[in-house]
Amino acid sequence: MIDFVKLQEKIEDLRKQYNVAGISVAVTDKEKTLFAQGFGVESVERPVLTVTTETRFKIASISKMITTITCMRLVDQGLLALDTPVKTYVPWLQLSDPVATETVTLRHLLCHGSGLSGELRKDGLRDERCLESSLQEMLPGMEMFSRPGDGIFLYSNYGFVLLSYIAQRVTGKTYSQLAKELVLDPLGMTYTHYHLGEIVTYPLALPHRENEAGELYIRHKLSSVESRFGSGEVFSTPEDLCKILRLLMNYGISDSGERILSENSIREMLTPHIPRENDDHHGLGIHIRNFEGMCLYGHTGWLPPYRASIYFEAEQSLGIAIALNTDKPDIREDIMRLILNK
């Protein structure tokens, strides 16, 4: 059994040790959230605003798990297929490699095996309605580092931007509307948001950095590139993210008992598709990592200075979600050790 009183004390000690302004942690089993707690402050300039379980953090690339579930729901509905060439859904698709243009599939994109570039370019602020024109501008000139099917892992943000567009194209809905209808609403993720104008009306952990003297200060800039919603622009809470972990641990069944994804889709997501570094693998939208002898399934997120992670360990049926507003990634590993090595 986890002693959650001691856990709370140890997390607060770690927050101070790492000099993190604000952090939020949630722990879940297959049935419910076991622990959810905020630590520190949303803003060092207004320390009265302490982090609570309702404080939103940018979750960065954990957004890709929402994109994956959205796409897999469309696969279950027969609107998409994992191994059908993307060009079937996007006739205008043009990549710098003609072979890749004709052969890349959803499966390649979801497991980061497409060969597409990993880095986001400075293509400016784009309205969500400009997703198509943004991709048409960027994709043709983007260098391909391998071909789809070569089995080479290359983390690609643009691959998930393209996935969000594919979902948008086959349904006729904006991606954020679609993700809300297919993922956020069915899972009851009421603390998860896409649009910055909505986010700033809720409790929000502001981004913090550390100066040379070790003092924390706020980075007074919050950006949101709407055309990248599928890759990493979502704000959420760890307690909300635990609902994704429970969906995975229960093979597609939500907290309300509704089947959101087929068992086959969950198994596809959790199956190692392509090798990564350090004996890790990637499934479909899922990082499968070896953590001190344990196999964890989940994802991390990093949009400086925000950091986040969600993972579950299947044998213990235990999931952990962490979000922080200061760029100190190692604290996440220490917190997971506290919980998983109980």
C-alpha atoms as a PDB file:
ATOM      1  CA  MET A   1       0.000   0.000   0.000  1.00  0.00           C
ATOM      2  CA  ILE A   2       1.105   3.515  -0.766  1.00  0.00           C
ATOM      3  CA  ASP A   3       1.257   5.817   2.244  1.00  0.00           C
ATOM      4  CA  PHE A   4      -0.207   8.912   0.606  1.00  0.00           C
ATOM      5  CA  VAL A   5       0.461  11.140   3.608  1.00  0.00           C
ATOM      6  CA  LYS A   6       4.177  10.365   3.398  1.00  0.00           C
ATOM      7  CA  LEU A   7       4.049  10.607  -0.394  1.00  0.00           C
ATOM      8  CA  GLN A   8       2.639  14.116  -0.143  1.00  0.00           C
ATOM      9  CA  GLU A   9       5.448  15.145   2.202  1.00  0.00           C
ATOM     10  CA  LYS A  10       8.134  13.636  -0.030  1.00  0.00           C
ATOM     11  CA  ILE A  11       6.794  15.302  -3.181  1.00  0.00           C
ATOM     12  CA  GLU A  12       6.811  18.674  -1.450  1.00  0.00           C
ATOM     13  CA  ASP A  13      10.405  18.038  -0.343  1.00  0.00           C
ATOM     14  CA  LEU A  14      11.333  17.227  -3.941  1.00  0.00           C
ATOM     15  CA  ARG A  15       9.589  20.336  -5.240  1.00  0.00           C
ATOM     16  CA  LYS A  16      11.694  22.494  -2.950  1.00  0.00           C
ATOM     17  CA  GLN A  17      14.871  20.536  -3.705  1.00  0.00           C
ATOM     18  CA  TYR A  18      14.416  20.953  -7.467  1.00  0.00           C
ATOM     19  CA  ASN A  19      13.182  24.547  -7.132  1.00  0.00           C
ATOM     20  CA  VAL A  20       9.934  23.967  -9.016  1.00  0.00           C
ATOM     21  CA  ALA A  21       7.298  26.693  -8.748  1.00  0.00           C
ATOM     22  CA  GLY A  22       4.268  24.462  -9.159  1.00  0.00           C
ATOM     23  CA  ILE A  23       3.567  20.779  -9.638  1.00  0.00           C
ATOM     24  CA  SER A  24       0.508  18.566  -9.708  1.00  0.00           C
ATOM     25  CA  VAL A  25       0.458  14.789  -9.253  1.00  0.00           C
ATOM     26  CA  ALA A  26      -2.279  12.177  -9.551  1.00  0.00           C
ATOM     27  CA  VAL A  27      -2.189   8.412  -9.000  1.00  0.00           C
ATOM     28  CA  THR A  28      -4.831   6.014 -10.253  1.00  0.00           C
ATOM     29  CA  ASP A  29      -5.655   2.335 -10.369  1.00  0.00           C
ATOM     30  CA  LYS A  30      -8.007   0.784 -12.932  1.00  0.00           C
ATOM     31  CA  GLU A  31     -11.101   2.018 -11.125  1.00  0.00           C
ATOM     32  CA  LYS A  32     -10.513   5.492  -9.730  1.00  0.00           C
ATOM     33  CA  THR A  33      -8.060   8.223  -8.794  1.00  0.00           C
ATOM     34  CA  LEU A  34      -6.306   7.251  -5.559  1.00  0.00           C
ATOM     35  CA  PHE A  35      -4.403  10.477  -4.987  1.00  0.00           C
ATOM     36  CA  ALA A  36      -4.461  13.948  -6.501  1.00  0.00           C
ATOM     37  CA  GLN A  37      -2.620  16.919  -5.068  1.00  0.00           C
ATOM     38  CA  GLY A  38      -1.165  20.238  -6.111  1.00  0.00           C
ATOM     39  CA  PHE A  39       2.079  21.612  -4.709  1.00  0.00           C
ATOM     40  CA  GLY A  40       3.635  25.062  -4.817  1.00  0.00           C
ATOM     41  CA  VAL A  41       2.180  28.037  -6.645  1.00  0.00           C
ATOM     42  CA  GLU A  42       0.701  28.964  -9.997  1.00  0.00           C
ATOM     43  CA  SER A  43       2.702  32.209  -9.925  1.00  0.00           C
ATOM     44  CA  VAL A  44       5.674  33.304  -7.827  1.00  0.00           C
ATOM     45  CA  GLU A  45       4.414  36.856  -8.285  1.00  0.00           C
ATOM     46  CA  ARG A  46       1.123  35.941  -6.631  1.00  0.00           C
ATOM     47  CA  PRO A  47       1.995  33.160  -4.153  1.00  0.00           C
ATOM     48  CA  VAL A  48      -1.510  33.224  -2.741  1.00  0.00           C
ATOM     49  CA  LEU A  49      -2.487  31.302  -5.904  1.00  0.00           C
ATOM     50  CA  THR A  50      -1.469  27.823  -4.837  1.00  0.00           C
ATOM     51  CA  VAL A  51      -1.640  24.873  -7.213  1.00  0.00           C
ATOM     52  CA  THR A  52      -4.787  22.777  -6.741  1.00  0.00           C
ATOM     53  CA  THR A  53      -6.129  19.730  -8.541  1.00  0.00           C
ATOM     54  CA  GLU A  54      -8.033  22.150 -10.810  1.00  0.00           C
ATOM     55  CA  THR A  55      -4.944  24.083 -11.934  1.00  0.00           C
ATOM     56  CA  ARG A  56      -4.301  23.612 -15.655  1.00  0.00           C
ATOM     57  CA  PHE A  57      -0.822  22.932 -17.050  1.00  0.00           C
ATOM     58  CA  LYS A  58       0.330  22.698 -20.662  1.00  0.00           C
ATOM     59  CA  ILE A  59       0.789  18.966 -21.301  1.00  0.00           C
ATOM     60  CA  ALA A  60       2.722  19.359 -24.571  1.00  0.00           C
ATOM     61  CA  SER A  61       3.234  16.056 -26.421  1.00  0.00           C
ATOM     62  CA  ILE A  62       0.839  14.145 -24.197  1.00  0.00           C
ATOM     63  CA  SER A  63      -1.609  15.814 -26.582  1.00  0.00           C
ATOM     64  CA  LYS A  64      -0.508  13.136 -29.064  1.00  0.00           C
ATOM     65  CA  MET A  65      -2.276  10.492 -26.977  1.00  0.00           C
ATOM     66  CA  ILE A  66      -5.554  12.379 -27.449  1.00  0.00           C
ATOM     67  CA  THR A  67      -4.850  12.545 -31.188  1.00  0.00           C
ATOM     68  CA  THR A  68      -4.158   8.816 -31.211  1.00  0.00           C
ATOM     69  CA  ILE A  69      -7.411   7.967 -29.433  1.00  0.00           C
ATOM     70  CA  THR A  70      -9.291  10.271 -31.819  1.00  0.00           C
ATOM     71  CA  CYS A  71      -7.802   8.508 -34.852  1.00  0.00           C
ATOM     72  CA  MET A  72      -8.360   5.043 -33.402  1.00  0.00           C
ATOM     73  CA  ARG A  73     -12.013   5.868 -32.756  1.00  0.00           C
ATOM     74  CA  LEU A  74     -12.311   6.785 -36.430  1.00  0.00           C
ATOM     75  CA  VAL A  75     -10.626   3.478 -37.302  1.00  0.00           C
ATOM     76  CA  ASP A  76     -13.208   1.642 -35.188  1.00  0.00           C
ATOM     77  CA  GLN A  77     -15.947   3.568 -37.013  1.00  0.00           C
ATOM     78  CA  GLY A  78     -14.553   2.539 -40.403  1.00  0.00           C
ATOM     79  CA  LEU A  79     -13.712   6.088 -41.489  1.00  0.00           C
ATOM     80  CA  LEU A  80      -9.965   5.410 -41.373  1.00  0.00           C
ATOM     81  CA  ALA A  81      -7.746   2.337 -41.699  1.00  0.00           C
ATOM     82  CA  LEU A  82      -4.283   1.922 -40.222  1.00  0.00           C
ATOM     83  CA  ASP A  83      -2.643   0.478 -43.318  1.00  0.00           C
ATOM     84  CA  THR A  84      -4.346   2.454 -46.063  1.00  0.00           C
ATOM     85  CA  PRO A  85      -2.048   5.045 -47.680  1.00  0.00           C
ATOM     86  CA  VAL A  86      -2.660   8.536 -46.348  1.00  0.00           C
ATOM     87  CA  LYS A  87      -2.979   9.756 -49.939  1.00  0.00           C
ATOM     88  CA  THR A  88      -6.330   7.947 -50.062  1.00  0.00           C
ATOM     89  CA  TYR A  89      -7.653  10.463 -47.549  1.00  0.00           C
ATOM     90  CA  VAL A  90      -5.494  13.419 -48.608  1.00  0.00           C
ATOM     91  CA  PRO A  91      -5.198  13.377 -52.410  1.00  0.00           C
ATOM     92  CA  TRP A  92      -3.096  16.556 -52.465  1.00  0.00           C
ATOM     93  CA  LEU A  93      -0.420  15.033 -50.202  1.00  0.00           C
ATOM     94  CA  GLN A  94       3.085  15.747 -51.444  1.00  0.00           C
ATOM     95  CA  LEU A  95       6.214  14.840 -49.478  1.00  0.00           C
ATOM     96  CA  SER A  96       9.795  15.451 -50.588  1.00  0.00           C
ATOM     97  CA  ASP A  97      10.170  11.699 -51.295  1.00  0.00           C
ATOM     98  CA  PRO A  98       7.734  10.486 -53.995  1.00  0.00           C
ATOM     99  CA  VAL A  99       7.835   6.914 -52.654  1.00  0.00           C
ATOM    100  CA  ALA A 100       6.918   8.087 -49.145  1.00  0.00           C
ATOM    101  CA  THR A 101       4.119  10.197 -50.604  1.00  0.00           C
ATOM    102  CA  GLU A 102       2.473   7.065 -52.027  1.00  0.00           C
ATOM    103  CA  THR A 103       3.186   4.634 -49.184  1.00  0.00           C
ATOM    104  CA  VAL A 104       2.959   6.444 -45.837  1.00  0.00           C
ATOM    105  CA  THR A 105       0.053   5.202 -43.678  1.00  0.00           C
ATOM    106  CA  LEU A 106      -1.611   6.103 -40.396  1.00  0.00           C
ATOM    107  CA  ARG A 107       0.328   3.306 -38.723  1.00  0.00           C
ATOM    108  CA  HIS A 108       3.639   4.835 -39.845  1.00  0.00           C
ATOM    109  CA  LEU A 109       2.589   8.246 -38.525  1.00  0.00           C
ATOM    110  CA  LEU A 110       1.273   6.953 -35.192  1.00  0.00           C
ATOM    111  CA  CYS A 111       4.439   5.026 -34.323  1.00  0.00           C
ATOM    112  CA  HIS A 112       6.833   7.733 -35.621  1.00  0.00           C
ATOM    113  CA  GLY A 113       8.046   5.469 -38.396  1.00  0.00           C
ATOM    114  CA  SER A 114       7.158   7.737 -41.318  1.00  0.00           C
ATOM    115  CA  GLY A 115      10.567   9.370 -41.712  1.00  0.00           C
ATOM    116  CA  LEU A 116       9.085  12.862 -41.426  1.00  0.00           C
ATOM    117  CA  SER A 117      11.130  15.541 -39.701  1.00  0.00           C
ATOM    118  CA  GLY A 118      10.792  15.762 -35.956  1.00  0.00           C
ATOM    119  CA  GLU A 119      11.281  19.483 -35.435  1.00  0.00           C
ATOM    120  CA  LEU A 120       8.571  22.080 -35.716  1.00  0.00           C
ATOM    121  CA  ARG A 121       9.578  24.994 -37.917  1.00  0.00           C
ATOM    122  CA  LYS A 122       8.809  28.631 -37.241  1.00  0.00           C
ATOM    123  CA  ASP A 123       5.779  28.819 -39.459  1.00  0.00           C
ATOM    124  CA  GLY A 124       4.108  31.551 -37.405  1.00  0.00           C
ATOM    125  CA  LEU A 125       0.840  31.635 -35.531  1.00  0.00           C
ATOM    126  CA  ARG A 126      -1.798  29.721 -37.436  1.00  0.00           C
ATOM    127  CA  ASP A 127      -5.528  29.666 -36.868  1.00  0.00           C
ATOM    128  CA  GLU A 128      -6.987  26.162 -36.623  1.00  0.00           C
ATOM    129  CA  ARG A 129      -8.848  26.798 -39.864  1.00  0.00           C
ATOM    130  CA  CYS A 130      -5.471  27.169 -41.605  1.00  0.00           C
ATOM    131  CA  LEU A 131      -4.352  23.621 -40.810  1.00  0.00           C
ATOM    132  CA  GLU A 132      -4.600  22.499 -44.440  1.00  0.00           C
ATOM    133  CA  SER A 133      -2.717  25.476 -45.882  1.00  0.00           C
ATOM    134  CA  SER A 134      -0.058  25.156 -43.175  1.00  0.00           C
ATOM    135  CA  LEU A 135       0.624  21.529 -44.114  1.00  0.00           C
ATOM    136  CA  GLN A 136       0.540  22.266 -47.835  1.00  0.00           C
ATOM    137  CA  GLU A 137       3.208  24.880 -47.260  1.00  0.00           C
ATOM    138  CA  MET A 138       5.470  22.835 -44.997  1.00  0.00           C
ATOM    139  CA  LEU A 139       5.330  19.184 -46.081  1.00  0.00           C
ATOM    140  CA  PRO A 140       6.685  19.303 -49.668  1.00  0.00           C
ATOM    141  CA  GLY A 141       9.984  20.876 -48.641  1.00  0.00           C
ATOM    142  CA  MET A 142      10.491  18.839 -45.478  1.00  0.00           C
ATOM    143  CA  GLU A 143      13.505  16.519 -45.472  1.00  0.00           C
ATOM    144  CA  MET A 144      12.734  12.802 -45.124  1.00  0.00           C
ATOM    145  CA  PHE A 145      15.237  10.942 -42.933  1.00  0.00           C
ATOM    146  CA  SER A 146      13.995   7.465 -43.837  1.00  0.00           C
ATOM    147  CA  ARG A 147      11.138   5.854 -45.726  1.00  0.00           C
ATOM    148  CA  PRO A 148       7.910   4.504 -44.238  1.00  0.00           C
ATOM    149  CA  GLY A 149       8.355   0.852 -43.383  1.00  0.00           C
ATOM    150  CA  ASP A 150      12.129   1.061 -42.848  1.00  0.00           C
ATOM    151  CA  GLY A 151      11.566   0.489 -39.119  1.00  0.00           C
ATOM    152  CA  ILE A 152      13.497   3.601 -38.121  1.00  0.00           C
ATOM    153  CA  PHE A 153      12.100   5.654 -35.247  1.00  0.00           C
ATOM    154  CA  LEU A 154      12.159   9.419 -35.722  1.00  0.00           C
ATOM    155  CA  TYR A 155       9.943  11.423 -33.406  1.00  0.00           C
ATOM    156  CA  SER A 156       7.817  13.623 -35.641  1.00  0.00           C
ATOM    157  CA  ASN A 157       5.587  16.447 -34.465  1.00  0.00           C
ATOM    158  CA  TYR A 158       4.499  17.094 -38.034  1.00  0.00           C
ATOM    159  CA  GLY A 159       3.356  13.486 -38.328  1.00  0.00           C
ATOM    160  CA  PHE A 160       0.769  14.166 -35.635  1.00  0.00           C
ATOM    161  CA  VAL A 161      -0.211  17.506 -37.116  1.00  0.00           C
ATOM    162  CA  LEU A 162      -0.909  15.567 -40.327  1.00  0.00           C
ATOM    163  CA  LEU A 163      -2.913  12.985 -38.361  1.00  0.00           C
ATOM    164  CA  SER A 164      -5.093  15.732 -36.895  1.00  0.00           C
ATOM    165  CA  TYR A 165      -5.714  17.041 -40.404  1.00  0.00           C
ATOM    166  CA  ILE A 166      -6.637  13.577 -41.707  1.00  0.00           C
ATOM    167  CA  ALA A 167      -9.189  13.215 -38.909  1.00  0.00           C
ATOM    168  CA  GLN A 168     -10.507  16.670 -39.707  1.00  0.00           C
ATOM    169  CA  ARG A 169     -10.741  15.949 -43.427  1.00  0.00           C
ATOM    170  CA  VAL A 170     -12.710  12.676 -43.169  1.00  0.00           C
ATOM    171  CA  THR A 171     -15.231  14.125 -40.699  1.00  0.00           C
ATOM    172  CA  GLY A 172     -15.609  17.725 -41.874  1.00  0.00           C
ATOM    173  CA  LYS A 173     -15.117  19.011 -38.302  1.00  0.00           C
ATOM    174  CA  THR A 174     -12.288  21.052 -36.840  1.00  0.00           C
ATOM    175  CA  TYR A 175      -9.794  18.892 -35.025  1.00  0.00           C
ATOM    176  CA  SER A 176     -10.409  20.448 -31.592  1.00  0.00           C
ATOM    177  CA  GLN A 177     -14.167  19.939 -31.994  1.00  0.00           C
ATOM    178  CA  LEU A 178     -13.591  16.338 -33.041  1.00  0.00           C
ATOM    179  CA  ALA A 179     -11.218  15.588 -30.138  1.00  0.00           C
ATOM    180  CA  LYS A 180     -13.757  17.029 -27.722  1.00  0.00           C
ATOM    181  CA  GLU A 181     -16.584  14.934 -29.162  1.00  0.00           C
ATOM    182  CA  LEU A 182     -14.621  11.683 -29.451  1.00  0.00           C
ATOM    183  CA  VAL A 183     -12.290  11.840 -26.448  1.00  0.00           C
ATOM    184  CA  LEU A 184     -12.710  14.657 -23.937  1.00  0.00           C
ATOM    185  CA  ASP A 185     -16.490  14.508 -23.506  1.00  0.00           C
ATOM    186  CA  PRO A 186     -16.826  10.685 -23.454  1.00  0.00           C
ATOM    187  CA  LEU A 187     -14.029  10.412 -20.875  1.00  0.00           C
ATOM    188  CA  GLY A 188     -15.379  13.287 -18.783  1.00  0.00           C
ATOM    189  CA  MET A 189     -12.199  15.337 -19.230  1.00  0.00           C
ATOM    190  CA  THR A 190     -13.813  18.635 -18.253  1.00  0.00           C
ATOM    191  CA  TYR A 191     -10.511  20.221 -17.157  1.00  0.00           C
ATOM    192  CA  THR A 192      -8.842  19.761 -20.559  1.00  0.00           C
ATOM    193  CA  HIS A 193      -8.848  22.564 -23.129  1.00  0.00           C
ATOM    194  CA  TYR A 194      -7.430  23.541 -26.514  1.00  0.00           C
ATOM    195  CA  HIS A 195      -8.158  27.232 -27.042  1.00  0.00           C
ATOM    196  CA  LEU A 196      -6.071  29.779 -25.156  1.00  0.00           C
ATOM    197  CA  GLY A 197      -8.979  32.192 -24.832  1.00  0.00           C
ATOM    198  CA  GLU A 198     -10.821  29.537 -22.826  1.00  0.00           C
ATOM    199  CA  ILE A 199      -7.805  28.315 -20.869  1.00  0.00           C
ATOM    200  CA  VAL A 200      -6.940  31.681 -19.340  1.00  0.00           C
ATOM    201  CA  THR A 201     -10.377  31.881 -17.678  1.00  0.00           C
ATOM    202  CA  TYR A 202      -9.470  28.920 -15.421  1.00  0.00           C
ATOM    203  CA  PRO A 203      -6.823  28.385 -12.713  1.00  0.00           C
ATOM    204  CA  LEU A 204      -3.587  28.245 -14.706  1.00  0.00           C
ATOM    205  CA  ALA A 205       0.002  27.361 -13.793  1.00  0.00           C
ATOM    206  CA  LEU A 206       2.085  30.076 -15.411  1.00  0.00           C
ATOM    207  CA  PRO A 207       5.423  29.177 -17.044  1.00  0.00           C
ATOM    208  CA  HIS A 208       8.470  29.715 -14.805  1.00  0.00           C
ATOM    209  CA  ARG A 209      12.196  29.821 -15.435  1.00  0.00           C
ATOM    210  CA  GLU A 210      15.211  30.039 -13.138  1.00  0.00           C
ATOM    211  CA  ASN A 211      17.805  32.832 -13.376  1.00  0.00           C
ATOM    212  CA  GLU A 212      21.550  32.465 -12.720  1.00  0.00           C
ATOM    213  CA  ALA A 213      21.009  33.207  -9.026  1.00  0.00           C
ATOM    214  CA  GLY A 214      18.556  30.309  -8.759  1.00  0.00           C
ATOM    215  CA  GLU A 215      15.545  32.584  -8.440  1.00  0.00           C
ATOM    216  CA  LEU A 216      12.309  31.672 -10.179  1.00  0.00           C
ATOM    217  CA  TYR A 217      10.607  34.171 -12.451  1.00  0.00           C
ATOM    218  CA  ILE A 218       7.584  34.053 -14.732  1.00  0.00           C
ATOM    219  CA  ARG A 219       7.971  33.853 -18.476  1.00  0.00           C
ATOM    220  CA  HIS A 220       5.256  36.334 -19.363  1.00  0.00           C
ATOM    221  CA  LYS A 221       4.288  34.759 -22.636  1.00  0.00           C
ATOM    222  CA  LEU A 222       1.692  32.094 -23.331  1.00  0.00           C
ATOM    223  CA  SER A 223       1.526  30.948 -26.930  1.00  0.00           C
ATOM    224  CA  SER A 224      -0.843  28.638 -28.732  1.00  0.00           C
ATOM    225  CA  VAL A 225      -0.396  27.608 -32.366  1.00  0.00           C
ATOM    226  CA  GLU A 226      -3.794  26.217 -33.245  1.00  0.00           C
ATOM    227  CA  SER A 227      -2.597  24.350 -36.324  1.00  0.00           C
ATOM    228  CA  ARG A 228      -0.483  22.225 -33.944  1.00  0.00           C
ATOM    229  CA  PHE A 229      -3.315  21.110 -31.674  1.00  0.00           C
ATOM    230  CA  GLY A 230      -2.762  17.494 -32.718  1.00  0.00           C
ATOM    231  CA  SER A 231       0.865  17.585 -31.667  1.00  0.00           C
ATOM    232  CA  GLY A 232       1.160  19.448 -28.415  1.00  0.00           C
ATOM    233  CA  GLU A 233      -0.888  22.519 -27.465  1.00  0.00           C
ATOM    234  CA  VAL A 234      -3.365  21.103 -24.920  1.00  0.00           C
ATOM    235  CA  PHE A 235      -3.796  22.249 -21.308  1.00  0.00           C
ATOM    236  CA  SER A 236      -5.055  19.794 -18.704  1.00  0.00           C
ATOM    237  CA  THR A 237      -4.700  18.457 -15.150  1.00  0.00           C
ATOM    238  CA  PRO A 238      -3.093  15.199 -13.968  1.00  0.00           C
ATOM    239  CA  GLU A 239      -6.409  14.026 -12.541  1.00  0.00           C
ATOM    240  CA  ASP A 240      -8.037  14.459 -15.959  1.00  0.00           C
ATOM    241  CA  LEU A 241      -5.129  12.662 -17.637  1.00  0.00           C
ATOM    242  CA  CYS A 242      -5.655   9.676 -15.346  1.00  0.00           C
ATOM    243  CA  LYS A 243      -8.892   9.074 -17.250  1.00  0.00           C
ATOM    244  CA  ILE A 244      -6.795   8.262 -20.322  1.00  0.00           C
ATOM    245  CA  LEU A 245      -4.689   5.858 -18.280  1.00  0.00           C
ATOM    246  CA  ARG A 246      -7.815   4.101 -16.988  1.00  0.00           C
ATOM    247  CA  LEU A 247      -9.159   3.828 -20.538  1.00  0.00           C
ATOM    248  CA  LEU A 248      -5.959   2.035 -21.544  1.00  0.00           C
ATOM    249  CA  MET A 249      -5.811  -0.185 -18.458  1.00  0.00           C
ATOM    250  CA  ASN A 250      -9.458  -1.197 -18.976  1.00  0.00           C
ATOM    251  CA  TYR A 251      -8.952  -1.961 -22.679  1.00  0.00           C
ATOM    252  CA  GLY A 252     -11.240   0.716 -24.053  1.00  0.00           C
ATOM    253  CA  ILE A 253     -13.881   1.075 -21.319  1.00  0.00           C
ATOM    254  CA  SER A 254     -14.417   4.530 -19.796  1.00  0.00           C
ATOM    255  CA  ASP A 255     -15.178   5.335 -16.149  1.00  0.00           C
ATOM    256  CA  SER A 256     -18.878   5.436 -17.016  1.00  0.00           C
ATOM    257  CA  GLY A 257     -18.739   1.892 -18.409  1.00  0.00           C
ATOM    258  CA  GLU A 258     -19.013   3.004 -22.040  1.00  0.00           C
ATOM    259  CA  ARG A 259     -16.841   1.304 -24.635  1.00  0.00           C
ATOM    260  CA  ILE A 260     -14.821   4.081 -26.222  1.00  0.00           C
ATOM    261  CA  LEU A 261     -12.304   1.965 -28.149  1.00  0.00           C
ATOM    262  CA  SER A 262     -12.333  -1.642 -29.262  1.00  0.00           C
ATOM    263  CA  GLU A 263     -10.001  -4.065 -27.490  1.00  0.00           C
ATOM    264  CA  ASN A 264      -8.211  -4.546 -30.786  1.00  0.00           C
ATOM    265  CA  SER A 265      -7.474  -0.826 -31.053  1.00  0.00           C
ATOM    266  CA  ILE A 266      -6.084  -0.730 -27.519  1.00  0.00           C
ATOM    267  CA  ARG A 267      -3.912  -3.773 -28.231  1.00  0.00           C
ATOM    268  CA  GLU A 268      -2.594  -2.109 -31.394  1.00  0.00           C
ATOM    269  CA  MET A 269      -1.704   0.998 -29.381  1.00  0.00           C
ATOM    270  CA  LEU A 270       0.122  -0.991 -26.688  1.00  0.00           C
ATOM    271  CA  THR A 271       1.962  -3.333 -29.066  1.00  0.00           C
ATOM    272  CA  PRO A 272       5.636  -2.421 -29.723  1.00  0.00           C
ATOM    273  CA  HIS A 273       5.816  -1.278 -33.343  1.00  0.00           C
ATOM    274  CA  ILE A 274       9.248   0.259 -33.638  1.00  0.00           C
ATOM    275  CA  PRO A 275      12.404   0.225 -31.477  1.00  0.00           C
ATOM    276  CA  ARG A 276      13.598   3.351 -29.684  1.00  0.00           C
ATOM    277  CA  GLU A 277      16.716   4.023 -27.624  1.00  0.00           C
ATOM    278  CA  ASN A 278      17.576   2.152 -24.406  1.00  0.00           C
ATOM    279  CA  ASP A 279      15.530  -0.942 -25.272  1.00  0.00           C
ATOM    280  CA  ASP A 280      12.371   1.182 -25.376  1.00  0.00           C
ATOM    281  CA  HIS A 281       9.753   0.893 -28.109  1.00  0.00           C
ATOM    282  CA  HIS A 282       6.905   2.923 -29.507  1.00  0.00           C
ATOM    283  CA  GLY A 283       3.413   1.610 -30.045  1.00  0.00           C
ATOM    284  CA  LEU A 284       0.684   3.621 -31.711  1.00  0.00           C
ATOM    285  CA  GLY A 285       0.919   6.964 -29.957  1.00  0.00           C
ATOM    286  CA  ILE A 286       2.372   5.233 -26.887  1.00  0.00           C
ATOM    287  CA  HIS A 287       5.909   5.208 -25.477  1.00  0.00           C
ATOM    288  CA  ILE A 288       6.738   1.750 -24.105  1.00  0.00           C
ATOM    289  CA  ARG A 289       9.634   2.212 -21.730  1.00  0.00           C
ATOM    290  CA  ASN A 290      11.778   0.111 -19.452  1.00  0.00           C
ATOM    291  CA  PHE A 291      11.783   1.876 -16.084  1.00  0.00           C
ATOM    292  CA  GLU A 292      14.066   0.131 -13.605  1.00  0.00           C
ATOM    293  CA  GLY A 293      12.890  -3.308 -14.672  1.00  0.00           C
ATOM    294  CA  MET A 294       9.229  -2.327 -15.036  1.00  0.00           C
ATOM    295  CA  CYS A 295       7.405  -1.917 -18.338  1.00  0.00           C
ATOM    296  CA  LEU A 296       5.574   1.394 -18.498  1.00  0.00           C
ATOM    297  CA  TYR A 297       3.116   2.612 -21.124  1.00  0.00           C
ATOM    298  CA  GLY A 298       2.417   6.290 -21.680  1.00  0.00           C
ATOM    299  CA  HIS A 299       3.999   9.508 -22.883  1.00  0.00           C
ATOM    300  CA  THR A 300       5.964  12.557 -21.823  1.00  0.00           C
ATOM    301  CA  GLY A 301       5.462  16.173 -22.745  1.00  0.00           C
ATOM    302  CA  TRP A 302       7.869  19.100 -23.038  1.00  0.00           C
ATOM    303  CA  LEU A 303       7.164  22.619 -24.252  1.00  0.00           C
ATOM    304  CA  PRO A 304       9.640  24.704 -22.255  1.00  0.00           C
ATOM    305  CA  PRO A 305       9.287  25.403 -19.454  1.00  0.00           C
ATOM    306  CA  TYR A 306       6.309  23.044 -19.045  1.00  0.00           C
ATOM    307  CA  ARG A 307       6.958  19.342 -18.417  1.00  0.00           C
ATOM    308  CA  ALA A 308       4.456  16.512 -18.001  1.00  0.00           C
ATOM    309  CA  SER A 309       4.255  12.729 -18.063  1.00  0.00           C
ATOM    310  CA  ILE A 310       1.647   9.984 -17.810  1.00  0.00           C
ATOM    311  CA  TYR A 311       2.492   6.296 -17.505  1.00  0.00           C
ATOM    312  CA  PHE A 312       0.898   3.142 -16.181  1.00  0.00           C
ATOM    313  CA  GLU A 313       2.469  -0.095 -15.020  1.00  0.00           C
ATOM    314  CA  ALA A 314       0.275  -3.024 -16.025  1.00  0.00           C
ATOM    315  CA  GLU A 315       1.240  -5.597 -13.380  1.00  0.00           C
ATOM    316  CA  GLN A 316       0.428  -3.233 -10.528  1.00  0.00           C
ATOM    317  CA  SER A 317      -2.488  -1.643 -12.441  1.00  0.00           C
ATOM    318  CA  LEU A 318      -1.088   1.667 -11.303  1.00  0.00           C
ATOM    319  CA  GLY A 319      -0.953   4.902 -13.264  1.00  0.00           C
ATOM    320  CA  ILE A 320       0.805   8.194 -12.564  1.00  0.00           C
ATOM    321  CA  ALA A 321       0.259  11.640 -14.085  1.00  0.00           C
ATOM    322  CA  ILE A 322       2.590  14.560 -13.356  1.00  0.00           C
ATOM    323  CA  ALA A 323       2.666  18.153 -14.589  1.00  0.00           C
ATOM    324  CA  LEU A 324       4.991  21.025 -13.689  1.00  0.00           C
ATOM    325  CA  ASN A 325       5.468  24.624 -14.746  1.00  0.00           C
ATOM    326  CA  THR A 326       9.264  24.736 -14.333  1.00  0.00           C
ATOM    327  CA  ASP A 327      11.705  22.911 -16.612  1.00  0.00           C
ATOM    328  CA  LYS A 328      13.058  20.332 -14.155  1.00  0.00           C
ATOM    329  CA  PRO A 329      12.429  16.948 -15.772  1.00  0.00           C
ATOM    330  CA  ASP A 330      14.236  14.733 -13.261  1.00  0.00           C
ATOM    331  CA  ILE A 331      11.675  15.380 -10.551  1.00  0.00           C
ATOM    332  CA  ARG A 332       9.183  13.325 -12.569  1.00  0.00           C
ATOM    333  CA  GLU A 333      11.457  10.293 -12.452  1.00  0.00           C
ATOM    334  CA  ASP A 334      11.958  10.655  -8.682  1.00  0.00           C
ATOM    335  CA  ILE A 335       8.216  10.888  -8.086  1.00  0.00           C
ATOM    336  CA  MET A 336       7.559   7.781 -10.174  1.00  0.00           C
ATOM    337  CA  ARG A 337      10.165   5.900  -8.132  1.00  0.00           C
ATOM    338  CA  LEU A 338       8.430   6.905  -4.919  1.00  0.00           C
ATOM    339  CA  ILE A 339       5.141   5.525  -6.189  1.00  0.00           C
ATOM    340  CA  LEU A 340       6.128   2.453  -8.181  1.00  0.00           C
ATOM    341  CA  ASN A 341       8.761   1.197  -5.727  1.00  0.00           C
ATOM    342  CA  LYS A 342       6.419   1.484  -2.762  1.00  0.00           C
END
